[in-house]
Amino acid sequence: MKVLVYEAAALPAELGGQVAALAAAAWPGASPGHDPALAPRALLLVDGDGTVAASLALLYKEIEVGGRTYRAAGLSAVVTRAALRGRGLGGRLVAAARAELAADPAVDLALFSCDRPLAPFYEEAGFAPLPGTVLVGGTPEDPEPLATDGPGFDKAVVAAFFTDTPDRDRAAFTGVRVPLHPGNTDRLW
């Protein structure tokens, strides 16, 4: 199996169809695709026959925290083909995504939320929890923005810092409400 990386707009139709089918099976009724303003990229784990075993999207935007602007990336729509789950393929792809982001000089940190029981999965791939941190989604104008501490949510926020001062930056992101505001398409990545 190999990891393939594509700008979302350049994803070949055959692979894109498989990714859409995986997402529809995992999240029935969810809207497909990501906001182009977030410069989405697809990371795929593909076998020798061209079958997508696992996929995820990387989304990018600048955010302001503690008086500083950070170039953030987030993981979204992480999914493994149902018949292949439990083989470590998702973890392999998530670790590859972390490595991809760490090697990108335009990225200061990876930051995203997950269901609380999945936090150890992301920790194994090199992401660390941010205790007490809440991501605030939607847009700044939303009267009731989607937030990871909202009713019915049981989300953990995890991150990896790629700056020259990762400990200082981790402290700035710990225990705060982060104005992620990725828009109305990807209300919360």
Protein backbone atom coordinates (compact mmCIF):
# COMPACT_ATOMS: atom_id res chain seq x y z
CA MET A 1 0.00 0.00 0.00
CA LYS A 2 1.15 3.50 -0.71
CA VAL A 3 0.15 6.96 0.46
CA LEU A 4 -0.98 9.33 -2.29
CA VAL A 5 -1.47 13.09 -1.84
CA TYR A 6 -3.64 15.23 -4.10
CA GLU A 7 -4.98 18.75 -4.12
CA ALA A 8 -8.73 18.10 -3.84
CA ALA A 9 -9.41 19.67 -7.23
CA ALA A 10 -6.83 17.35 -8.85
CA LEU A 11 -8.07 14.11 -7.29
CA PRO A 12 -8.61 11.58 -10.13
CA ALA A 13 -12.28 10.75 -10.65
CA GLU A 14 -11.86 7.02 -9.90
CA LEU A 15 -10.18 7.72 -6.55
CA GLY A 16 -12.56 10.57 -5.78
CA GLY A 17 -15.53 8.29 -6.32
CA GLN A 18 -14.11 5.76 -3.89
CA VAL A 19 -13.45 8.47 -1.29
CA ALA A 20 -17.01 9.76 -1.67
CA ALA A 21 -18.39 6.22 -1.23
CA LEU A 22 -16.29 5.67 1.91
CA ALA A 23 -17.52 8.97 3.36
CA ALA A 24 -21.16 8.23 2.49
CA ALA A 25 -20.91 4.84 4.21
CA ALA A 26 -19.32 6.35 7.32
CA TRP A 27 -21.51 9.47 7.56
CA PRO A 28 -24.81 8.87 5.73
CA GLY A 29 -26.49 12.10 4.71
CA ALA A 30 -23.42 14.28 5.19
CA SER A 31 -22.60 16.75 2.44
CA PRO A 32 -19.61 15.61 0.36
CA GLY A 33 -16.57 17.75 -0.26
CA HIS A 34 -14.82 20.58 1.51
CA ASP A 35 -14.77 24.35 1.18
CA PRO A 36 -12.18 25.34 -1.46
CA ALA A 37 -11.28 28.33 0.74
CA LEU A 38 -9.66 25.80 3.12
CA ALA A 39 -7.29 24.54 0.36
CA PRO A 40 -8.31 20.90 0.87
CA ARG A 41 -5.88 18.12 0.09
CA ALA A 42 -6.69 14.40 0.02
CA LEU A 43 -4.38 11.81 1.57
CA LEU A 44 -5.18 8.28 0.48
CA LEU A 45 -3.83 4.87 1.37
CA VAL A 46 -4.18 2.88 -1.85
CA ASP A 47 -3.42 -0.77 -2.55
CA GLY A 48 -1.69 -2.07 -5.69
CA ASP A 49 -5.04 -2.54 -7.46
CA GLY A 50 -6.03 1.11 -6.98
CA THR A 51 -8.48 0.46 -4.16
CA VAL A 52 -8.64 3.21 -1.55
CA ALA A 53 -8.18 1.52 1.83
CA ALA A 54 -8.31 4.73 3.89
CA SER A 55 -8.62 8.44 3.26
CA LEU A 56 -8.58 11.77 5.02
CA ALA A 57 -8.67 15.43 4.12
CA LEU A 58 -6.23 18.11 5.20
CA LEU A 59 -7.74 21.58 5.57
CA TYR A 60 -5.79 24.82 6.05
CA LYS A 61 -6.43 28.30 7.40
CA GLU A 62 -4.91 31.02 9.54
CA ILE A 63 -6.19 31.42 13.07
CA GLU A 64 -5.45 33.95 15.79
CA VAL A 65 -4.69 32.84 19.34
CA GLY A 66 -3.00 34.84 22.08
CA GLY A 67 -2.35 37.82 19.80
CA ARG A 68 -0.48 35.73 17.22
CA THR A 69 -1.55 34.43 13.82
CA TYR A 70 -0.85 30.76 13.25
CA ARG A 71 -1.01 28.77 10.02
CA ALA A 72 -3.15 25.81 11.04
CA ALA A 73 -4.05 22.56 9.37
CA GLY A 74 -6.70 20.09 10.41
CA LEU A 75 -7.55 16.51 9.67
CA SER A 76 -11.09 15.86 8.50
CA ALA A 77 -13.15 12.95 7.21
CA VAL A 78 -10.72 10.26 8.42
CA VAL A 79 -12.14 6.92 7.29
CA THR A 80 -10.98 3.35 6.62
CA ARG A 81 -12.83 0.92 4.36
CA ALA A 82 -15.06 -1.14 6.69
CA ALA A 83 -13.70 -4.51 5.53
CA LEU A 84 -10.13 -3.39 6.30
CA ARG A 85 -10.61 -1.87 9.75
CA GLY A 86 -8.54 -3.17 12.65
CA ARG A 87 -5.39 -3.63 10.58
CA GLY A 88 -3.66 -0.37 11.47
CA LEU A 89 -4.29 1.23 8.07
CA GLY A 90 -6.04 4.31 9.48
CA GLY A 91 -3.23 4.84 11.97
CA ARG A 92 -0.69 4.53 9.18
CA LEU A 93 -2.50 7.18 7.14
CA VAL A 94 -2.92 9.55 10.10
CA ALA A 95 0.81 9.21 10.92
CA ALA A 96 1.59 9.98 7.27
CA ALA A 97 -0.62 13.08 7.48
CA ARG A 98 1.25 14.27 10.57
CA ALA A 99 4.58 13.75 8.78
CA GLU A 100 3.27 15.62 5.72
CA LEU A 101 2.23 18.57 7.88
CA ALA A 102 5.46 18.57 9.91
CA ALA A 103 7.48 18.78 6.67
CA ASP A 104 5.43 21.72 5.34
CA PRO A 105 7.13 25.03 6.25
CA ALA A 106 3.80 26.82 5.73
CA VAL A 107 2.16 24.95 8.65
CA ASP A 108 2.67 25.97 12.30
CA LEU A 109 0.37 23.38 13.83
CA ALA A 110 -2.14 20.64 13.21
CA LEU A 111 -5.29 21.11 15.28
CA PHE A 112 -8.58 19.21 15.17
CA SER A 113 -11.22 17.51 17.26
CA CYS A 114 -12.30 13.90 17.47
CA ASP A 115 -14.74 11.78 19.42
CA ARG A 116 -13.20 11.39 22.88
CA PRO A 117 -12.78 7.58 22.58
CA LEU A 118 -10.66 8.14 19.43
CA ALA A 119 -8.11 10.43 21.13
CA PRO A 120 -5.71 7.52 21.91
CA PHE A 121 -5.77 6.54 18.22
CA TYR A 122 -4.56 10.02 17.26
CA GLU A 123 -2.05 10.08 20.13
CA GLU A 124 -0.45 6.91 18.72
CA ALA A 125 0.08 8.82 15.45
CA GLY A 126 1.88 11.69 17.22
CA PHE A 127 -0.88 14.11 18.17
CA ALA A 128 -1.34 15.22 21.78
CA PRO A 129 -4.52 16.23 23.63
CA LEU A 130 -5.10 19.85 24.59
CA PRO A 131 -6.95 19.64 27.91
CA GLY A 132 -9.77 22.13 28.27
CA THR A 133 -9.38 23.47 24.72
CA VAL A 134 -12.54 24.10 22.70
CA LEU A 135 -12.67 24.63 18.95
CA VAL A 136 -15.32 27.10 17.81
CA GLY A 137 -16.59 26.47 14.30
CA GLY A 138 -18.92 28.02 11.78
CA THR A 139 -18.32 31.72 11.19
CA PRO A 140 -17.72 34.59 13.62
CA GLU A 141 -21.21 35.90 12.76
CA ASP A 142 -23.02 32.73 13.84
CA PRO A 143 -25.30 33.53 16.79
CA GLU A 144 -24.82 29.97 18.09
CA PRO A 145 -21.54 28.68 16.64
CA LEU A 146 -20.77 24.98 16.55
CA ALA A 147 -18.26 24.25 19.31
CA THR A 148 -16.60 21.08 20.54
CA ASP A 149 -18.12 21.61 23.98
CA GLY A 150 -21.63 22.07 22.60
CA PRO A 151 -24.66 20.06 23.74
CA GLY A 152 -24.45 16.44 22.66
CA PHE A 153 -20.76 16.62 21.78
CA ASP A 154 -18.12 14.57 23.54
CA LYS A 155 -15.07 15.83 21.67
CA ALA A 156 -11.39 15.93 22.47
CA VAL A 157 -9.09 18.47 20.84
CA VAL A 158 -5.69 17.20 19.73
CA ALA A 159 -2.71 18.95 18.16
CA ALA A 160 0.87 18.79 16.99
CA PHE A 161 3.06 21.90 16.96
CA PHE A 162 5.72 22.49 14.31
CA THR A 163 6.96 25.93 15.38
CA ASP A 164 10.35 26.88 16.83
CA THR A 165 8.67 27.24 20.23
CA PRO A 166 6.28 24.30 20.45
CA ASP A 167 6.01 24.29 24.26
CA ARG A 168 5.10 27.98 24.38
CA ASP A 169 2.61 27.59 21.55
CA ARG A 170 1.05 24.48 23.11
CA ALA A 171 0.54 26.51 26.31
CA ALA A 172 -1.19 29.26 24.29
CA PHE A 173 -3.65 26.70 22.88
CA THR A 174 -4.33 24.80 26.11
CA GLY A 175 -7.54 25.48 28.03
CA VAL A 176 -8.81 28.19 25.67
CA ARG A 177 -11.58 28.66 23.13
CA VAL A 178 -9.95 28.66 19.69
CA PRO A 179 -11.78 30.68 17.02
CA LEU A 180 -11.33 28.13 14.23
CA HIS A 181 -14.28 29.42 12.16
CA PRO A 182 -13.76 27.28 9.03
CA GLY A 183 -17.03 28.53 7.49
CA ASN A 184 -20.41 27.00 6.77
CA THR A 185 -19.32 24.06 4.60
CA ASP A 186 -16.80 22.56 7.02
CA ARG A 187 -18.42 23.96 10.11
CA LEU A 188 -15.90 22.19 12.32
CA TRP A 189 -12.99 20.18 11.01
